[in-house]
Protein backbone atom coordinates (compact mmCIF):
# COMPACT_ATOMS: atom_id res chain seq x y z
CA MET A 1 0.17 -0.01 0.00
CA PHE A 2 2.91 2.33 0.60
CA THR A 3 3.85 1.87 -2.97
CA GLU A 4 0.45 2.93 -4.25
CA ILE A 5 0.42 6.15 -2.01
CA LEU A 6 3.97 6.96 -3.28
CA LEU A 7 2.82 6.46 -6.98
CA VAL A 8 -0.41 8.52 -6.31
CA VAL A 9 1.69 11.32 -4.83
CA ILE A 10 4.23 11.27 -7.80
CA GLY A 11 1.13 11.10 -10.32
CA LEU A 12 -0.12 14.12 -8.75
CA ALA A 13 3.00 15.93 -8.95
CA ILE A 14 3.58 15.24 -12.66
CA LEU A 15 -0.01 16.16 -13.33
CA LEU A 16 0.21 19.51 -11.73
CA VAL A 17 3.49 20.39 -13.31
CA ALA A 18 2.59 19.16 -16.83
CA GLY A 19 -0.82 21.05 -16.53
CA ASP A 20 0.74 24.26 -15.77
CA PHE A 21 3.54 23.68 -18.43
CA LEU A 22 0.83 22.89 -21.03
CA VAL A 23 -0.98 26.02 -20.47
CA ARG A 24 2.39 28.17 -20.57
CA GLY A 25 3.40 26.42 -23.73
CA ALA A 26 -0.12 26.85 -25.38
CA VAL A 27 -0.18 30.61 -24.48
CA GLY A 28 3.49 31.09 -26.00
CA LEU A 29 2.21 29.22 -29.19
CA ALA A 30 -0.86 31.33 -29.46
CA ALA A 31 1.20 34.46 -29.17
CA ALA A 32 3.53 33.22 -31.91
CA LEU A 33 0.50 32.75 -34.15
CA GLY A 34 -0.80 36.38 -33.32
CA VAL A 35 -3.89 35.05 -31.12
CA PRO A 36 -5.52 38.13 -29.23
CA ALA A 37 -4.94 38.10 -25.55
CA LEU A 38 -8.63 38.04 -25.06
CA VAL A 39 -8.90 34.81 -27.10
CA VAL A 40 -5.98 33.19 -25.12
CA SER A 41 -7.66 34.21 -21.71
CA LEU A 42 -11.08 32.78 -22.55
CA THR A 43 -9.97 29.51 -24.20
CA ILE A 44 -6.31 28.29 -23.62
CA VAL A 45 -6.10 29.53 -20.15
CA ALA A 46 -9.65 29.05 -19.01
CA PHE A 47 -9.78 25.46 -20.19
CA GLY A 48 -5.96 24.69 -19.61
CA THR A 49 -6.04 25.31 -16.02
CA SER A 50 -8.70 22.75 -15.60
CA ALA A 51 -6.64 20.16 -17.58
CA PRO A 52 -5.48 18.19 -14.74
CA GLU A 53 -9.09 17.50 -13.36
CA LEU A 54 -10.27 16.88 -16.97
CA VAL A 55 -7.65 14.32 -17.91
CA VAL A 56 -7.99 12.50 -14.58
CA THR A 57 -11.70 12.44 -15.11
CA VAL A 58 -11.47 10.88 -18.61
CA GLN A 59 -8.72 8.43 -17.67
CA SER A 60 -10.76 7.13 -14.66
CA ILE A 61 -13.85 6.48 -16.84
CA LEU A 62 -11.65 4.89 -19.67
CA SER A 63 -9.95 2.68 -16.98
CA GLY A 64 -13.34 1.72 -15.38
CA SER A 65 -12.78 3.69 -12.26
CA GLU A 66 -15.73 5.95 -12.63
CA GLY A 67 -16.08 6.64 -9.01
CA ILE A 68 -12.78 8.46 -8.98
CA ALA A 69 -14.27 10.79 -11.80
CA ILE A 70 -17.29 11.70 -9.72
CA GLY A 71 -15.38 12.09 -6.46
CA ASN A 72 -12.68 14.37 -8.21
CA ILE A 73 -15.55 16.78 -9.53
CA ILE A 74 -17.36 16.85 -6.38
CA GLY A 75 -14.27 16.94 -4.08
CA SER A 76 -12.64 19.66 -5.88
CA ASN A 77 -15.61 21.95 -5.50
CA ILE A 78 -15.93 21.39 -1.90
CA ALA A 79 -12.05 21.88 -1.29
CA ASN A 80 -11.99 25.00 -3.33
CA VAL A 81 -14.63 26.70 -1.07
CA PHE A 82 -13.94 25.18 2.53
CA LEU A 83 -10.20 24.73 2.11
CA VAL A 84 -8.79 27.01 -0.57
CA LEU A 85 -10.98 29.88 0.65
CA GLY A 86 -11.06 28.92 4.34
CA LEU A 87 -7.45 28.43 5.24
CA PRO A 88 -6.34 31.78 3.77
CA ALA A 89 -9.23 33.63 5.34
CA ILE A 90 -7.76 32.76 8.74
CA ILE A 91 -4.55 34.41 7.82
CA TYR A 92 -6.18 37.64 6.13
CA PRO A 93 -10.09 38.11 5.67
CA ILE A 94 -11.13 37.81 1.99
CA SER A 95 -13.10 40.64 0.55
CA THR A 96 -15.94 39.78 -1.91
CA HIS A 97 -16.19 43.58 -3.00
CA VAL A 98 -15.04 42.59 -6.41
CA ILE A 99 -16.73 44.05 -9.66
CA GLY A 100 -18.53 41.47 -11.59
CA LEU A 101 -18.10 38.78 -9.03
CA ARG A 102 -21.81 38.43 -8.23
CA ARG A 103 -22.62 37.48 -11.91
CA HIS A 104 -20.16 34.53 -11.85
CA MET A 105 -21.52 33.52 -8.45
CA LEU A 106 -24.99 33.25 -9.84
CA PHE A 107 -23.62 31.28 -12.69
CA MET A 108 -21.99 28.91 -10.26
CA LEU A 109 -25.09 28.41 -8.31
CA LEU A 110 -26.96 27.62 -11.75
CA ALA A 111 -24.28 24.98 -12.70
CA THR A 112 -24.36 23.31 -9.11
CA ALA A 113 -28.21 23.26 -9.31
CA VAL A 114 -28.20 21.54 -12.89
CA PHE A 115 -25.48 19.12 -11.84
CA SER A 116 -27.14 18.19 -8.46
CA GLY A 117 -30.45 18.03 -10.33
CA VAL A 118 -29.09 15.47 -12.78
CA ALA A 119 -27.65 13.40 -10.00
CA TYR A 120 -30.92 13.14 -8.17
CA THR A 121 -33.09 12.54 -11.18
CA ALA A 122 -31.27 10.90 -13.88
CA GLY A 123 -28.70 9.33 -11.53
CA TYR A 124 -25.90 9.23 -14.24
CA LEU A 125 -24.19 11.31 -16.59
CA ASP A 126 -24.20 10.07 -20.39
CA THR A 127 -23.37 11.39 -23.84
CA LYS A 128 -26.65 13.58 -23.88
CA ILE A 129 -26.09 15.04 -20.57
CA GLY A 130 -22.57 15.47 -20.81
CA GLY A 131 -23.24 17.45 -24.19
CA GLY A 132 -25.53 19.47 -22.37
CA LEU A 133 -23.01 20.47 -19.48
CA PHE A 134 -20.41 21.10 -22.00
CA ALA A 135 -22.63 23.43 -24.04
CA GLY A 136 -23.12 25.14 -20.63
CA ILE A 137 -19.47 26.14 -20.43
CA LEU A 138 -19.41 27.21 -24.19
CA ILE A 139 -22.26 29.62 -23.25
CA TYR A 140 -20.30 30.84 -20.26
CA VAL A 141 -17.13 31.60 -22.15
CA ALA A 142 -19.23 33.18 -24.79
CA TYR A 143 -20.90 35.46 -22.19
CA MET A 144 -17.38 36.54 -20.93
CA TRP A 145 -16.21 37.05 -24.53
CA VAL A 146 -19.19 39.52 -25.24
CA ARG A 147 -18.52 41.44 -21.84
CA ALA A 148 -14.74 41.60 -22.13
CA SER A 149 -14.67 42.53 -25.82
CA THR A 150 -17.21 45.30 -25.49
CA GLY A 151 -15.18 46.67 -22.50
CA LYS A 152 -18.16 47.24 -20.37
CA ALA A 153 -16.29 46.13 -17.31
CA THR A 154 -13.30 44.61 -15.70
CA ASP A 155 -13.87 40.88 -15.02
CA PRO A 156 -12.65 38.95 -11.99
CA ILE A 157 -12.21 35.67 -13.92
CA LEU A 158 -10.18 37.14 -16.74
CA ASP A 159 -7.92 39.01 -14.29
CA GLU A 160 -6.81 35.55 -12.75
CA VAL A 161 -4.86 34.70 -16.06
CA GLU A 162 -2.43 37.55 -16.33
CA GLU A 163 0.55 35.21 -14.78
CA TYR A 164 0.40 33.48 -18.05
CA GLN A 165 0.86 36.37 -20.52
CA SER A 166 4.56 36.25 -19.90
CA ALA A 167 4.87 33.55 -22.52
CA THR A 168 5.29 35.57 -25.73
CA GLY A 169 6.48 33.46 -28.81
CA LEU A 170 7.45 30.05 -30.39
CA ASN A 171 10.93 29.43 -28.85
CA MET A 172 12.52 26.41 -27.37
CA GLN A 173 11.01 27.07 -23.94
CA THR A 174 7.64 27.03 -25.43
CA ILE A 175 8.15 23.88 -27.46
CA PHE A 176 9.66 22.43 -24.16
CA PHE A 177 6.54 23.34 -22.26
CA LEU A 178 4.32 21.92 -24.66
CA ILE A 179 6.14 18.61 -24.99
CA VAL A 180 6.23 18.18 -21.11
CA GLY A 181 2.59 19.08 -20.75
CA LEU A 182 1.31 16.75 -23.46
CA VAL A 183 3.15 14.02 -22.22
CA GLY A 184 3.22 14.64 -18.71
CA LEU A 185 -0.92 14.94 -18.47
CA PRO A 186 -1.78 11.52 -19.37
CA ALA A 187 1.18 9.77 -17.82
CA GLY A 188 0.34 11.51 -14.36
CA ALA A 189 -3.27 10.80 -14.77
CA HIS A 190 -2.39 7.35 -15.55
CA LEU A 191 -0.26 6.78 -12.41
CA LEU A 192 -3.00 8.67 -10.42
CA VAL A 193 -5.94 6.85 -11.47
CA THR A 194 -4.43 3.27 -11.58
CA ASN A 195 -2.69 3.49 -8.11
CA GLY A 196 -5.72 5.47 -6.73
CA ALA A 197 -8.09 2.54 -7.66
CA SER A 198 -5.84 0.00 -6.01
CA LEU A 199 -5.47 2.06 -2.95
CA ALA A 200 -9.26 2.28 -2.77
CA GLU A 201 -9.48 -1.55 -3.11
CA GLY A 202 -6.56 -2.07 -0.55
CA LEU A 203 -8.47 0.15 1.98
CA GLY A 204 -11.67 -1.34 1.15
CA VAL A 205 -13.47 2.03 0.32
CA ARG A 206 -15.42 3.29 -2.73
CA ASP A 207 -13.52 4.82 -5.49
CA GLU A 208 -15.13 8.13 -4.87
CA VAL A 209 -13.39 8.51 -1.43
CA ILE A 210 -10.14 8.68 -3.33
CA GLY A 211 -11.45 11.25 -5.74
CA LEU A 212 -13.04 13.27 -2.87
CA THR A 213 -9.81 13.22 -0.81
CA ILE A 214 -6.60 12.52 -2.19
CA ILE A 215 -7.04 13.53 -5.83
CA ALA A 216 -9.31 16.61 -5.05
CA PHE A 217 -6.78 17.88 -2.23
CA GLY A 218 -3.88 17.38 -4.71
CA THR A 219 -5.49 19.13 -7.92
CA SER A 220 -6.49 22.04 -5.43
CA LEU A 221 -3.09 22.69 -4.30
CA PRO A 222 -2.12 25.24 -6.93
CA GLU A 223 -5.16 27.27 -6.10
CA LEU A 224 -4.36 27.00 -2.42
CA ALA A 225 -0.84 28.23 -2.62
CA THR A 226 -2.07 31.10 -4.77
CA VAL A 227 -4.58 32.25 -2.41
CA ILE A 228 -2.49 31.78 0.81
CA ALA A 229 0.44 33.69 -0.89
CA ALA A 230 -2.11 36.46 -1.65
CA ALA A 231 -3.44 36.33 1.74
CA LEU A 232 0.13 36.81 3.08
CA HIS A 233 0.36 40.23 1.09
CA LYS A 234 -3.24 41.28 2.24
CA LYS A 235 -4.71 40.70 -1.41
CA SER A 236 -6.48 37.54 -0.90
CA ASP A 237 -9.82 39.01 -2.56
CA VAL A 238 -7.90 39.07 -5.99
CA ALA A 239 -8.20 35.16 -6.01
CA ILE A 240 -11.96 34.60 -5.24
CA GLY A 241 -12.90 35.07 -8.88
CA GLY A 242 -10.50 32.41 -9.74
CA ILE A 243 -12.23 29.99 -7.25
CA ILE A 244 -15.64 30.56 -8.64
CA GLY A 245 -14.61 30.13 -12.07
CA SER A 246 -12.70 26.92 -11.26
CA ASN A 247 -15.73 25.49 -9.72
CA ILE A 248 -17.87 26.37 -12.79
CA PHE A 249 -15.33 24.80 -14.99
CA ASN A 250 -15.29 21.53 -12.89
CA ILE A 251 -18.97 21.14 -13.09
CA LEU A 252 -19.52 21.99 -16.72
CA ALA A 253 -16.26 21.21 -18.65
CA VAL A 254 -15.04 18.25 -16.49
CA GLY A 255 -18.67 16.92 -15.85
CA GLY A 256 -19.44 17.55 -19.40
CA ALA A 257 -16.36 15.65 -20.70
CA ALA A 258 -17.15 12.78 -18.20
CA GLY A 259 -20.61 12.26 -19.72
CA LEU A 260 -19.22 12.52 -23.30
CA THR A 261 -16.64 9.90 -22.50
CA GLY A 262 -18.96 7.25 -20.90
CA THR A 263 -22.04 6.49 -18.79
CA VAL A 264 -21.03 7.53 -15.22
CA TYR A 265 -23.46 6.67 -12.33
CA PHE A 266 -23.70 8.45 -8.84
CA ASP A 267 -23.72 6.04 -5.98
CA SER A 268 -26.06 6.16 -2.93
CA ALA A 269 -23.32 7.61 -0.83
CA SER A 270 -22.58 10.36 -3.43
CA LEU A 271 -26.16 11.30 -3.31
CA ALA A 272 -26.54 11.08 0.60
CA VAL A 273 -23.36 12.78 1.60
CA ASP A 274 -21.15 14.27 -0.96
CA ILE A 275 -23.27 16.34 -3.26
CA PRO A 276 -25.24 17.82 -0.22
CA VAL A 277 -21.98 18.88 1.13
CA MET A 278 -20.98 20.44 -2.19
CA ILE A 279 -24.40 22.28 -2.32
CA ALA A 280 -23.91 23.56 1.06
CA ALA A 281 -20.35 24.95 0.29
CA SER A 282 -21.89 26.62 -2.77
CA ILE A 283 -24.70 27.95 -0.94
CA ILE A 284 -22.52 29.48 2.13
CA LEU A 285 -20.14 31.24 -0.55
CA ALA A 286 -23.01 32.55 -2.25
CA ALA A 287 -24.21 34.06 0.87
CA PHE A 288 -21.07 35.95 1.26
CA VAL A 289 -20.68 36.91 -2.15
CA LEU A 290 -24.15 37.98 -3.04
CA THR A 291 -24.56 40.07 0.14
CA ARG A 292 -21.10 41.46 -0.31
CA ARG A 293 -19.75 40.35 3.15
CA ASP A 294 -16.20 39.73 3.79
CA ILE A 295 -14.96 36.06 4.74
CA GLY A 296 -13.53 36.83 8.11
CA ARG A 297 -11.02 34.82 10.17
CA LEU A 298 -13.84 33.11 12.12
CA THR A 299 -15.71 32.28 9.07
CA GLY A 300 -12.53 30.99 7.59
CA LEU A 301 -11.87 28.82 10.64
CA LEU A 302 -15.20 27.44 10.49
CA MET A 303 -14.96 26.62 6.85
CA PHE A 304 -11.74 25.04 7.41
CA GLY A 305 -12.97 22.97 10.21
CA ALA A 306 -16.01 21.94 7.79
CA TYR A 307 -13.46 20.53 5.45
CA VAL A 308 -11.52 18.61 8.00
CA GLY A 309 -14.74 17.34 9.37
CA PHE A 310 -15.93 16.28 5.97
CA ILE A 311 -12.60 14.32 5.36
CA LEU A 312 -12.84 12.71 8.94
CA ALA A 313 -16.40 11.71 8.07
CA LEU A 314 -15.46 10.24 4.89
CA THR A 315 -12.74 8.17 6.68
CA MET A 316 -14.97 7.08 9.28
CA LEU A 317 -18.00 6.13 7.17
CA ALA A 318 -15.79 4.52 4.46
CA GLY A 319 -16.24 1.07 5.73
CA ALA A 320 -20.11 1.68 6.23
CA ILE A 321 -21.21 3.19 3.00
């Protein structure tokens, strides 16, 4: 079992590095081809930053570990709210007074409602449902395109991609980034999924638990590091847009890709525990964003405690459900 854990960690590390390299390489290639920065932001960066979750989800379904795919989607959204926002808020309060943030929050609530509705009515994701979810992300991107291109307002989601704009052309560094990204993503995903499934079997737990805990936590680490760094500089409010955008992409783009790859069923434990926690996390975040109340230190502590409690509950219930 130690070997499986080690290989899962190695797979996560490869996946995260490869995902970042792929985005940087693609941005550099787009710059060399003269693609406008707005197009790069709305397509390459927006979709590319969700590449690790997307590749893990597709690989999980193709290898017959559908539970990891579902757990990864749900667990990433829970971790983004309770962990990625909660822990940095303990360091420095996170302001929700960001122009345009409420529009994206409403879209996130809608995406969460649609995903949850599908889970409780159909009980599965298939080609038709996956296509519908993916159409949702295209509509979302088109909406951001219209607002950004007309210059009506600044946008908190687009503001998150500035760090990638340093890649400016087709050179050896860009080619290296592309190769590492294209090779590393499937390789890391294969290590992660294969050994994650073996670990679940060895522990006697459902695959979803691995997706909800180890994989979801691992794929949320870059966002956590970014927000903690911002909190240390007392600028953590700049990252909240990225978290909301990440949750939207997890549900619509990654969830859509899951359905388009194959039929994936929600198990009874996901319906009874996992999805209600995801819904609760979304509602709690929405309550702060829509009323423009800061996420203070006490709230951050409670959110972080909720995440720890959720992980402990999964561990305790692992053998019972």
